[in-house]
Amino acid sequence: MEKVMKFAERIKKVQKKVETVLKVQEKMKQQTDRERRESEMWKAEDKVILRIKDLVFKERLAKKLVDCYVGPYIIDEVVSTNMVKL
């Protein structure tokens, strides 16, 4: 019977710790979400310009003579939150 009582006390202590941790996590989430904004989704027919910094070309282009951006391109379809079809 003593073992059962000790086990029950241990479970209660663990539950209190878990509740405390969950409250702290919720508070942290609220603080973080307070400064976040919902990003606007791209829509079909929107126009975008692309930065060519990471594009690969067959021939090496002179940096001084190439624009930093190309476009505008029209979005045909939104595939996911971070991918669009031009």
N, C-alpha and C. Protein backbone atom coordinates (compact mmCIF):
# COMPACT_ATOMS: atom_id res chain seq x y z
N MET A 1 0.82 -1.20 0.00
CA MET A 1 0.00 0.00 0.00
C MET A 1 0.86 1.25 0.00
N GLU A 2 2.00 1.21 0.68
CA GLU A 2 2.89 2.37 0.71
C GLU A 2 3.41 2.70 -0.67
N LYS A 3 3.74 1.66 -1.43
CA LYS A 3 4.27 1.86 -2.78
C LYS A 3 3.24 2.55 -3.67
N VAL A 4 1.99 2.19 -3.50
CA VAL A 4 0.92 2.79 -4.29
C VAL A 4 0.79 4.27 -3.94
N MET A 5 0.88 4.60 -2.67
CA MET A 5 0.78 6.00 -2.23
C MET A 5 1.96 6.82 -2.76
N LYS A 6 3.16 6.26 -2.68
CA LYS A 6 4.34 6.96 -3.18
C LYS A 6 4.24 7.17 -4.69
N PHE A 7 3.74 6.15 -5.38
CA PHE A 7 3.57 6.27 -6.83
C PHE A 7 2.56 7.36 -7.17
N ALA A 8 1.46 7.41 -6.42
CA ALA A 8 0.43 8.43 -6.65
C ALA A 8 0.99 9.83 -6.40
N GLU A 9 1.80 9.99 -5.36
CA GLU A 9 2.40 11.29 -5.06
C GLU A 9 3.36 11.70 -6.18
N ARG A 10 4.14 10.72 -6.66
CA ARG A 10 5.07 11.01 -7.74
C ARG A 10 4.33 11.46 -9.01
N ILE A 11 3.23 10.80 -9.29
CA ILE A 11 2.42 11.14 -10.46
C ILE A 11 1.86 12.55 -10.32
N LYS A 12 1.41 12.91 -9.12
CA LYS A 12 0.86 14.26 -8.90
C LYS A 12 1.94 15.32 -9.10
N LYS A 13 3.15 15.05 -8.63
CA LYS A 13 4.26 16.00 -8.82
C LYS A 13 4.58 16.17 -10.30
N VAL A 14 4.60 15.06 -11.01
CA VAL A 14 4.88 15.12 -12.45
C VAL A 14 3.79 15.90 -13.17
N GLN A 15 2.55 15.69 -12.80
CA GLN A 15 1.43 16.41 -13.41
C GLN A 15 1.56 17.91 -13.17
N LYS A 16 1.93 18.32 -11.96
CA LYS A 16 2.10 19.74 -11.66
C LYS A 16 3.22 20.35 -12.51
N LYS A 17 4.32 19.60 -12.65
CA LYS A 17 5.43 20.09 -13.48
C LYS A 17 4.99 20.25 -14.93
N VAL A 18 4.25 19.26 -15.41
CA VAL A 18 3.79 19.30 -16.80
C VAL A 18 2.85 20.48 -17.01
N GLU A 19 1.94 20.70 -16.08
CA GLU A 19 1.02 21.83 -16.18
C GLU A 19 1.79 23.15 -16.22
N THR A 20 2.81 23.27 -15.37
CA THR A 20 3.62 24.49 -15.33
C THR A 20 4.33 24.70 -16.67
N VAL A 21 4.91 23.63 -17.19
CA VAL A 21 5.62 23.73 -18.47
C VAL A 21 4.66 24.13 -19.59
N LEU A 22 3.49 23.54 -19.61
CA LEU A 22 2.51 23.86 -20.65
C LEU A 22 2.06 25.32 -20.55
N LYS A 23 1.87 25.83 -19.34
CA LYS A 23 1.50 27.23 -19.17
C LYS A 23 2.59 28.15 -19.68
N VAL A 24 3.84 27.82 -19.36
CA VAL A 24 4.97 28.62 -19.80
C VAL A 24 5.07 28.59 -21.33
N GLN A 25 4.89 27.42 -21.91
CA GLN A 25 4.95 27.31 -23.37
C GLN A 25 3.86 28.14 -24.04
N GLU A 26 2.68 28.11 -23.48
CA GLU A 26 1.57 28.89 -24.04
C GLU A 26 1.88 30.39 -23.96
N LYS A 27 2.43 30.80 -22.84
CA LYS A 27 2.80 32.22 -22.67
C LYS A 27 3.87 32.63 -23.69
N MET A 28 4.87 31.75 -23.88
CA MET A 28 5.92 32.03 -24.86
C MET A 28 5.34 32.10 -26.27
N LYS A 29 4.40 31.23 -26.58
CA LYS A 29 3.78 31.24 -27.90
C LYS A 29 3.02 32.54 -28.12
N GLN A 30 2.29 33.00 -27.12
CA GLN A 30 1.55 34.25 -27.23
C GLN A 30 2.50 35.42 -27.47
N GLN A 31 3.63 35.45 -26.74
CA GLN A 31 4.59 36.52 -26.92
C GLN A 31 5.19 36.51 -28.33
N THR A 32 5.49 35.33 -28.82
CA THR A 32 6.07 35.21 -30.15
C THR A 32 5.05 35.58 -31.23
N ASP A 33 3.84 35.09 -31.09
CA ASP A 33 2.81 35.35 -32.09
C ASP A 33 2.38 36.81 -32.11
N ARG A 34 2.61 37.51 -31.03
CA ARG A 34 2.21 38.91 -30.96
C ARG A 34 2.92 39.74 -32.02
N GLU A 35 4.17 39.39 -32.32
CA GLU A 35 4.95 40.16 -33.27
C GLU A 35 4.89 39.59 -34.69
N ARG A 36 4.28 38.43 -34.85
CA ARG A 36 4.19 37.83 -36.18
C ARG A 36 2.98 38.38 -36.92
N ARG A 37 3.18 38.49 -38.22
CA ARG A 37 2.07 38.89 -39.07
C ARG A 37 1.76 37.74 -40.01
N GLU A 38 0.52 37.60 -40.33
CA GLU A 38 0.12 36.58 -41.30
C GLU A 38 0.60 37.04 -42.67
N SER A 39 1.38 36.20 -43.34
CA SER A 39 1.89 36.60 -44.65
C SER A 39 0.76 36.51 -45.67
N GLU A 40 0.75 37.47 -46.56
CA GLU A 40 -0.27 37.48 -47.59
C GLU A 40 0.08 36.44 -48.64
N MET A 41 -0.89 35.70 -49.05
CA MET A 41 -0.67 34.69 -50.08
C MET A 41 -0.56 35.38 -51.43
N TRP A 42 0.28 34.80 -52.26
CA TRP A 42 0.34 35.26 -53.64
C TRP A 42 -0.95 34.85 -54.31
N LYS A 43 -1.33 35.62 -55.28
CA LYS A 43 -2.53 35.30 -56.05
C LYS A 43 -2.13 35.14 -57.51
N ALA A 44 -2.90 34.36 -58.24
CA ALA A 44 -2.68 34.25 -59.67
C ALA A 44 -2.87 35.64 -60.28
N GLU A 45 -2.11 35.93 -61.27
CA GLU A 45 -2.12 37.21 -61.99
C GLU A 45 -1.31 38.30 -61.29
N ASP A 46 -0.74 38.03 -60.12
CA ASP A 46 0.18 38.98 -59.50
C ASP A 46 1.48 38.99 -60.30
N LYS A 47 2.21 40.09 -60.22
CA LYS A 47 3.48 40.18 -60.93
C LYS A 47 4.62 40.17 -59.91
N VAL A 48 5.71 39.47 -60.25
CA VAL A 48 6.87 39.40 -59.37
C VAL A 48 8.13 39.62 -60.20
N ILE A 49 9.19 40.05 -59.53
CA ILE A 49 10.49 40.12 -60.16
C ILE A 49 11.41 39.15 -59.44
N LEU A 50 12.38 38.59 -60.16
CA LEU A 50 13.27 37.59 -59.58
C LEU A 50 14.66 38.16 -59.43
N ARG A 51 15.30 37.82 -58.34
CA ARG A 51 16.69 38.20 -58.12
C ARG A 51 17.55 37.12 -58.76
N ILE A 52 18.53 37.50 -59.57
CA ILE A 52 19.30 36.51 -60.33
C ILE A 52 20.57 36.06 -59.62
N LYS A 53 20.73 36.44 -58.38
CA LYS A 53 21.94 36.10 -57.65
C LYS A 53 22.22 34.59 -57.66
N ASP A 54 21.21 33.76 -57.48
CA ASP A 54 21.41 32.32 -57.37
C ASP A 54 21.06 31.56 -58.65
N LEU A 55 20.74 32.26 -59.71
CA LEU A 55 20.45 31.58 -60.97
C LEU A 55 21.75 31.13 -61.63
N VAL A 56 21.71 30.01 -62.32
CA VAL A 56 22.89 29.46 -62.99
C VAL A 56 22.71 29.66 -64.50
N PHE A 57 23.72 30.23 -65.13
CA PHE A 57 23.69 30.47 -66.57
C PHE A 57 24.73 29.59 -67.25
N LYS A 58 24.48 29.25 -68.52
CA LYS A 58 25.43 28.44 -69.27
C LYS A 58 26.74 29.19 -69.48
N GLU A 59 26.64 30.45 -69.80
CA GLU A 59 27.82 31.28 -69.99
C GLU A 59 27.94 32.24 -68.81
N ARG A 60 29.15 32.45 -68.37
CA ARG A 60 29.36 33.38 -67.26
C ARG A 60 29.15 34.80 -67.76
N LEU A 61 28.31 35.53 -67.06
CA LEU A 61 27.99 36.90 -67.45
C LEU A 61 28.80 37.88 -66.61
N ALA A 62 29.17 38.98 -67.21
CA ALA A 62 29.93 40.00 -66.48
C ALA A 62 29.01 40.62 -65.43
N LYS A 63 29.45 40.60 -64.17
CA LYS A 63 28.61 41.10 -63.08
C LYS A 63 28.22 42.56 -63.27
N LYS A 64 29.15 43.35 -63.78
CA LYS A 64 28.88 44.79 -63.91
C LYS A 64 27.82 45.08 -64.96
N LEU A 65 27.67 44.18 -65.94
CA LEU A 65 26.77 44.45 -67.05
C LEU A 65 25.40 43.80 -66.89
N VAL A 66 25.23 43.01 -65.86
CA VAL A 66 23.97 42.28 -65.67
C VAL A 66 23.14 42.96 -64.59
N ASP A 67 21.85 43.08 -64.87
CA ASP A 67 20.94 43.62 -63.85
C ASP A 67 20.82 42.63 -62.70
N CYS A 68 20.47 43.13 -61.54
CA CYS A 68 20.32 42.27 -60.36
C CYS A 68 19.00 41.51 -60.37
N TYR A 69 18.02 42.03 -61.08
CA TYR A 69 16.69 41.43 -61.10
C TYR A 69 16.21 41.25 -62.53
N VAL A 70 15.35 40.28 -62.75
CA VAL A 70 14.71 40.09 -64.04
C VAL A 70 13.21 40.01 -63.83
N GLY A 71 12.47 40.37 -64.84
CA GLY A 71 11.03 40.30 -64.72
C GLY A 71 10.41 41.58 -65.22
N PRO A 72 9.21 41.85 -64.96
CA PRO A 72 8.26 41.14 -64.10
C PRO A 72 7.66 39.92 -64.78
N TYR A 73 7.38 38.91 -63.98
CA TYR A 73 6.71 37.69 -64.43
C TYR A 73 5.34 37.63 -63.80
N ILE A 74 4.40 37.05 -64.52
CA ILE A 74 3.04 36.90 -64.00
C ILE A 74 2.92 35.51 -63.38
N ILE A 75 2.33 35.45 -62.19
CA ILE A 75 2.12 34.17 -61.51
C ILE A 75 0.94 33.46 -62.15
N ASP A 76 1.20 32.23 -62.64
CA ASP A 76 0.13 31.43 -63.25
C ASP A 76 -0.66 30.66 -62.19
N GLU A 77 0.08 30.10 -61.23
CA GLU A 77 -0.57 29.22 -60.26
C GLU A 77 0.22 29.23 -58.96
N VAL A 78 -0.48 29.19 -57.83
CA VAL A 78 0.16 29.07 -56.53
C VAL A 78 0.18 27.59 -56.18
N VAL A 79 1.39 27.02 -56.12
CA VAL A 79 1.53 25.59 -55.85
C VAL A 79 1.47 25.32 -54.35
N SER A 80 2.21 26.08 -53.55
CA SER A 80 2.18 25.96 -52.10
C SER A 80 2.50 27.33 -51.52
N THR A 81 2.65 27.41 -50.19
CA THR A 81 2.87 28.72 -49.56
C THR A 81 4.19 29.36 -49.96
N ASN A 82 5.16 28.55 -50.39
CA ASN A 82 6.45 29.12 -50.78
C ASN A 82 6.86 28.72 -52.19
N MET A 83 5.90 28.32 -53.02
CA MET A 83 6.22 27.94 -54.38
C MET A 83 5.10 28.41 -55.31
N VAL A 84 5.51 29.08 -56.39
CA VAL A 84 4.54 29.53 -57.39
C VAL A 84 5.02 29.13 -58.78
N LYS A 85 4.09 29.00 -59.69
CA LYS A 85 4.42 28.68 -61.08
C LYS A 85 4.29 29.96 -61.87
N LEU A 86 5.37 30.31 -62.59
CA LEU A 86 5.38 31.54 -63.38
C LEU A 86 5.02 31.25 -64.82
